[in-house]
PDB file of all heavy atoms in Angstrom:
ATOM      1  N   GLY A   1     -11.931 -63.973-102.250  1.00  0.00           N
ATOM      2  CA  GLY A   1     -12.556 -63.040-103.176  1.00  0.00           C
ATOM      3  C   GLY A   1     -12.135 -63.244-104.600  1.00  0.00           C
ATOM      4  O   GLY A   1     -11.565 -64.269-104.980  1.00  0.00           O
ATOM      5  N   VAL A   2     -12.453 -62.251-105.416  1.00  0.00           N
ATOM      6  CA  VAL A   2     -12.207 -62.331-106.828  1.00  0.00           C
ATOM      7  C   VAL A   2     -10.746 -62.063-107.143  1.00  0.00           C
ATOM      8  O   VAL A   2     -10.210 -61.069-106.712  1.00  0.00           O
ATOM      9  CB  VAL A   2     -13.098 -61.306-107.561  1.00  0.00           C
ATOM     10  CG1 VAL A   2     -12.872 -61.342-109.071  1.00  0.00           C
ATOM     11  CG2 VAL A   2     -14.571 -61.540-107.245  1.00  0.00           C
ATOM     12  N   PRO A   3     -10.076 -62.944-107.900  1.00  0.00           N
ATOM     13  CA  PRO A   3      -8.698 -62.703-108.240  1.00  0.00           C
ATOM     14  C   PRO A   3      -8.564 -61.594-109.332  1.00  0.00           C
ATOM     15  O   PRO A   3      -9.494 -61.275-110.007  1.00  0.00           O
ATOM     16  CB  PRO A   3      -8.225 -64.064-108.771  1.00  0.00           C
ATOM     17  CG  PRO A   3      -9.464 -64.717-109.260  1.00  0.00           C
ATOM     18  CD  PRO A   3     -10.558 -64.224-108.424  1.00  0.00           C
ATOM     19  N   ALA A   4      -7.328 -61.131-109.462  1.00  0.00           N
ATOM     20  CA  ALA A   4      -7.012 -60.200-110.569  1.00  0.00           C
ATOM     21  C   ALA A   4      -6.288 -60.991-111.640  1.00  0.00           C
ATOM     22  O   ALA A   4      -5.735 -62.051-111.380  1.00  0.00           O
ATOM     23  CB  ALA A   4      -6.079 -59.097-110.029  1.00  0.00           C
ATOM     24  N   LEU A   5      -6.321 -60.486-112.837  1.00  0.00           N
ATOM     25  CA  LEU A   5      -5.624 -61.085-113.963  1.00  0.00           C
ATOM     26  C   LEU A   5      -4.259 -60.379-114.054  1.00  0.00           C
ATOM     27  O   LEU A   5      -4.200 -59.153-114.201  1.00  0.00           O
ATOM     28  CB  LEU A   5      -6.397 -60.892-115.232  1.00  0.00           C
ATOM     29  CG  LEU A   5      -5.882 -61.614-116.474  1.00  0.00           C
ATOM     30  CD1 LEU A   5      -5.898 -63.088-116.269  1.00  0.00           C
ATOM     31  CD2 LEU A   5      -6.767 -61.248-117.666  1.00  0.00           C
ATOM     32  N   SER A   6      -3.197 -61.157-114.031  1.00  0.00           N
ATOM     33  CA  SER A   6      -1.882 -60.575-114.107  1.00  0.00           C
ATOM     34  C   SER A   6      -1.645 -59.824-115.399  1.00  0.00           C
ATOM     35  O   SER A   6      -1.999 -60.317-116.487  1.00  0.00           O
ATOM     36  CB  SER A   6      -0.775 -61.683-113.971  1.00  0.00           C
ATOM     37  OG  SER A   6       0.487 -61.118-114.175  1.00  0.00           O
ATOM     38  N   ARG A   7      -1.071 -58.655-115.307  1.00  0.00           N
ATOM     39  CA  ARG A   7      -0.755 -57.847-116.495  1.00  0.00           C
ATOM     40  C   ARG A   7       0.498 -58.386-117.188  1.00  0.00           C
ATOM     41  O   ARG A   7       0.779 -58.026-118.330  1.00  0.00           O
ATOM     42  CB  ARG A   7      -0.543 -56.373-116.101  1.00  0.00           C
ATOM     43  CG  ARG A   7      -1.786 -55.739-115.660  1.00  0.00           C
ATOM     44  CD  ARG A   7      -1.545 -54.367-115.024  1.00  0.00           C
ATOM     45  NE  ARG A   7      -2.771 -53.754-114.683  1.00  0.00           N
ATOM     46  CZ  ARG A   7      -3.294 -52.670-115.279  1.00  0.00           C
ATOM     47  NH1 ARG A   7      -2.689 -52.079-116.212  1.00  0.00           N
ATOM     48  NH2 ARG A   7      -4.462 -52.181-114.876  1.00  0.00           N
ATOM     49  N   THR A   8       1.238 -59.225-116.521  1.00  0.00           N
ATOM     50  CA  THR A   8       2.444 -59.806-117.101  1.00  0.00           C
ATOM     51  C   THR A   8       2.160 -60.674-118.304  1.00  0.00           C
ATOM     52  O   THR A   8       2.824 -60.602-119.332  1.00  0.00           O
ATOM     53  CB  THR A   8       3.243 -60.595-116.031  1.00  0.00           C
ATOM     54  OG1 THR A   8       3.477 -59.718-114.937  1.00  0.00           O
ATOM     55  CG2 THR A   8       4.542 -61.067-116.573  1.00  0.00           C
ATOM     56  N   ASP A   9       1.169 -61.598-118.134  1.00  0.00           N
ATOM     57  CA  ASP A   9       0.914 -62.572-119.182  1.00  0.00           C
ATOM     58  C   ASP A   9      -0.586 -62.576-119.635  1.00  0.00           C
ATOM     59  O   ASP A   9      -0.951 -63.320-120.531  1.00  0.00           O
ATOM     60  CB  ASP A   9       1.339 -64.014-118.858  1.00  0.00           C
ATOM     61  CG  ASP A   9       0.638 -64.517-117.626  1.00  0.00           C
ATOM     62  OD1 ASP A   9      -0.340 -63.888-117.120  1.00  0.00           O
ATOM     63  OD2 ASP A   9       1.020 -65.628-117.139  1.00  0.00           O
ATOM     64  N   ASN A  10      -1.415 -61.808-118.915  1.00  0.00           N
ATOM     65  CA  ASN A  10      -2.843 -61.780-119.226  1.00  0.00           C
ATOM     66  C   ASN A  10      -3.534 -63.152-119.139  1.00  0.00           C
ATOM     67  O   ASN A  10      -4.504 -63.429-119.803  1.00  0.00           O
ATOM     68  CB  ASN A  10      -3.144 -61.103-120.594  1.00  0.00           C
ATOM     69  CG  ASN A  10      -2.933 -59.646-120.537  1.00  0.00           C
ATOM     70  OD1 ASN A  10      -3.219 -58.994-119.571  1.00  0.00           O
ATOM     71  ND2 ASN A  10      -2.406 -59.138-121.654  1.00  0.00           N
ATOM     72  N   GLU A  11      -2.968 -64.055-118.304  1.00  0.00           N
ATOM     73  CA  GLU A  11      -3.526 -65.404-118.138  1.00  0.00           C
ATOM     74  C   GLU A  11      -3.545 -65.796-116.692  1.00  0.00           C
ATOM     75  O   GLU A  11      -4.446 -66.489-116.237  1.00  0.00           O
ATOM     76  CB  GLU A  11      -2.676 -66.406-118.892  1.00  0.00           C
ATOM     77  CG  GLU A  11      -2.723 -66.294-120.387  1.00  0.00           C
ATOM     78  CD  GLU A  11      -1.853 -67.324-121.093  1.00  0.00           C
ATOM     79  OE1 GLU A  11      -1.295 -68.207-120.430  1.00  0.00           O
ATOM     80  OE2 GLU A  11      -1.744 -67.262-122.346  1.00  0.00           O
ATOM     81  N   THR A  12      -2.553 -65.419-115.897  1.00  0.00           N
ATOM     82  CA  THR A  12      -2.389 -65.901-114.521  1.00  0.00           C
ATOM     83  C   THR A  12      -3.285 -65.120-113.599  1.00  0.00           C
ATOM     84  O   THR A  12      -3.302 -63.881-113.609  1.00  0.00           O
ATOM     85  CB  THR A  12      -0.937 -65.710-114.079  1.00  0.00           C
ATOM     86  OG1 THR A  12      -0.095 -66.447-115.035  1.00  0.00           O
ATOM     87  CG2 THR A  12      -0.700 -66.295-112.719  1.00  0.00           C
ATOM     88  N   LEU A  13      -4.024 -65.879-112.740  1.00  0.00           N
ATOM     89  CA  LEU A  13      -4.815 -65.269-111.717  1.00  0.00           C
ATOM     90  C   LEU A  13      -3.943 -64.999-110.487  1.00  0.00           C
ATOM     91  O   LEU A  13      -3.238 -65.877-110.020  1.00  0.00           O
ATOM     92  CB  LEU A  13      -6.015 -66.158-111.363  1.00  0.00           C
ATOM     93  CG  LEU A  13      -7.012 -66.370-112.516  1.00  0.00           C
ATOM     94  CD1 LEU A  13      -8.114 -67.328-112.071  1.00  0.00           C
ATOM     95  CD2 LEU A  13      -7.613 -65.078-113.042  1.00  0.00           C
ATOM     96  N   ILE A  14      -4.025 -63.741-109.990  1.00  0.00           N
ATOM     97  CA  ILE A  14      -3.222 -63.362-108.835  1.00  0.00           C
ATOM     98  C   ILE A  14      -4.111 -62.689-107.816  1.00  0.00           C
ATOM     99  O   ILE A  14      -5.277 -62.364-108.102  1.00  0.00           O
ATOM    100  CB  ILE A  14      -2.083 -62.401-109.272  1.00  0.00           C
ATOM    101  CG1 ILE A  14      -2.670 -61.122-109.966  1.00  0.00           C
ATOM    102  CG2 ILE A  14      -1.121 -63.096-110.232  1.00  0.00           C
ATOM    103  CD1 ILE A  14      -1.595 -60.114-110.337  1.00  0.00           C
ATOM    104  N   CYS A  15      -3.594 -62.456-106.629  1.00  0.00           N
ATOM    105  CA  CYS A  15      -4.406 -61.824-105.564  1.00  0.00           C
ATOM    106  C   CYS A  15      -4.660 -60.381-105.942  1.00  0.00           C
ATOM    107  O   CYS A  15      -3.899 -59.720-106.725  1.00  0.00           O
ATOM    108  CB  CYS A  15      -3.708 -61.900-104.205  1.00  0.00           C
ATOM    109  SG  CYS A  15      -2.272 -60.883-103.951  1.00  0.00           S
ATOM    110  N   PRO A  16      -5.724 -59.789-105.399  1.00  0.00           N
ATOM    111  CA  PRO A  16      -6.065 -58.400-105.699  1.00  0.00           C
ATOM    112  C   PRO A  16      -4.950 -57.404-105.368  1.00  0.00           C
ATOM    113  O   PRO A  16      -4.721 -56.470-106.114  1.00  0.00           O
ATOM    114  CB  PRO A  16      -7.303 -58.145-104.861  1.00  0.00           C
ATOM    115  CG  PRO A  16      -7.967 -59.457-104.676  1.00  0.00           C
ATOM    116  CD  PRO A  16      -6.782 -60.434-104.584  1.00  0.00           C
ATOM    117  N   GLU A  17      -4.235 -57.655-104.283  1.00  0.00           N
ATOM    118  CA  GLU A  17      -3.151 -56.726-103.897  1.00  0.00           C
ATOM    119  C   GLU A  17      -2.038 -56.722-104.950  1.00  0.00           C
ATOM    120  O   GLU A  17      -1.533 -55.667-105.341  1.00  0.00           O
ATOM    121  CB  GLU A  17      -2.593 -57.092-102.546  1.00  0.00           C
ATOM    122  CG  GLU A  17      -1.640 -56.062-102.015  1.00  0.00           C
ATOM    123  CD  GLU A  17      -1.187 -56.255-100.591  1.00  0.00           C
ATOM    124  OE1 GLU A  17      -1.896 -57.042 -99.847  1.00  0.00           O
ATOM    125  OE2 GLU A  17      -0.218 -55.620-100.191  1.00  0.00           O
ATOM    126  N   CYS A  18      -1.641 -57.861-105.431  1.00  0.00           N
ATOM    127  CA  CYS A  18      -0.591 -57.965-106.433  1.00  0.00           C
ATOM    128  C   CYS A  18      -1.125 -57.356-107.752  1.00  0.00           C
ATOM    129  O   CYS A  18      -0.370 -56.704-108.520  1.00  0.00           O
ATOM    130  CB  CYS A  18      -0.113 -59.370-106.640  1.00  0.00           C
ATOM    131  SG  CYS A  18       0.971 -59.956-105.315  1.00  0.00           S
ATOM    132  N   GLY A  19      -2.378 -57.551-108.047  1.00  0.00           N
ATOM    133  CA  GLY A  19      -2.980 -56.944-109.243  1.00  0.00           C
ATOM    134  C   GLY A  19      -2.979 -55.444-109.148  1.00  0.00           C
ATOM    135  O   GLY A  19      -2.658 -54.738-110.146  1.00  0.00           O
ATOM    136  N   THR A  20      -3.295 -54.874-108.001  1.00  0.00           N
ATOM    137  CA  THR A  20      -3.242 -53.427-107.823  1.00  0.00           C
ATOM    138  C   THR A  20      -1.803 -52.950-107.922  1.00  0.00           C
ATOM    139  O   THR A  20      -1.542 -51.870-108.570  1.00  0.00           O
ATOM    140  CB  THR A  20      -3.838 -53.039-106.449  1.00  0.00           C
ATOM    141  OG1 THR A  20      -5.186 -53.505-106.369  1.00  0.00           O
ATOM    142  CG2 THR A  20      -3.794 -51.521-106.233  1.00  0.00           C
ATOM    143  N   ALA A  21      -0.863 -53.648-107.355  1.00  0.00           N
ATOM    144  CA  ALA A  21       0.549 -53.283-107.466  1.00  0.00           C
ATOM    145  C   ALA A  21       1.005 -53.211-108.929  1.00  0.00           C
ATOM    146  O   ALA A  21       1.693 -52.310-109.348  1.00  0.00           O
ATOM    147  CB  ALA A  21       1.439 -54.217-106.665  1.00  0.00           C
ATOM    148  N   GLN A  22       0.588 -54.217-109.736  1.00  0.00           N
ATOM    149  CA  GLN A  22       0.926 -54.234-111.137  1.00  0.00           C
ATOM    150  C   GLN A  22       0.329 -53.021-111.866  1.00  0.00           C
ATOM    151  O   GLN A  22       0.955 -52.385-112.750  1.00  0.00           O
ATOM    152  CB  GLN A  22       0.535 -55.519-111.802  1.00  0.00           C
ATOM    153  CG  GLN A  22       1.377 -56.696-111.421  1.00  0.00           C
ATOM    154  CD  GLN A  22       1.022 -57.965-112.188  1.00  0.00           C
ATOM    155  OE1 GLN A  22       0.064 -58.010-112.985  1.00  0.00           O
ATOM    156  NE2 GLN A  22       1.789 -59.035-112.002  1.00  0.00           N
ATOM    157  N   ALA A  23      -0.937 -52.723-111.539  1.00  0.00           N
ATOM    158  CA  ALA A  23      -1.635 -51.562-112.150  1.00  0.00           C
ATOM    159  C   ALA A  23      -0.939 -50.245-111.804  1.00  0.00           C
ATOM    160  O   ALA A  23      -0.794 -49.387-112.655  1.00  0.00           O
ATOM    161  CB  ALA A  23      -3.080 -51.542-111.751  1.00  0.00           C
ATOM    162  N   LEU A  24      -0.527 -50.108-110.579  1.00  0.00           N
ATOM    163  CA  LEU A  24       0.187 -48.913-110.173  1.00  0.00           C
ATOM    164  C   LEU A  24       1.546 -48.812-110.831  1.00  0.00           C
ATOM    165  O   LEU A  24       1.907 -47.730-111.284  1.00  0.00           O
ATOM    166  CB  LEU A  24       0.385 -48.888-108.653  1.00  0.00           C
ATOM    167  CG  LEU A  24      -0.940 -48.635-107.845  1.00  0.00           C
ATOM    168  CD1 LEU A  24      -0.685 -48.928-106.368  1.00  0.00           C
ATOM    169  CD2 LEU A  24      -1.441 -47.224-108.037  1.00  0.00           C
TER     170      LEU A  24
END
């Protein structure tokens, strides 16, 4: 599926679950 953009560096594509964890 569609990856999430990491909030850590705004460049790295990460899995949706890790993206949600960072958002939380």
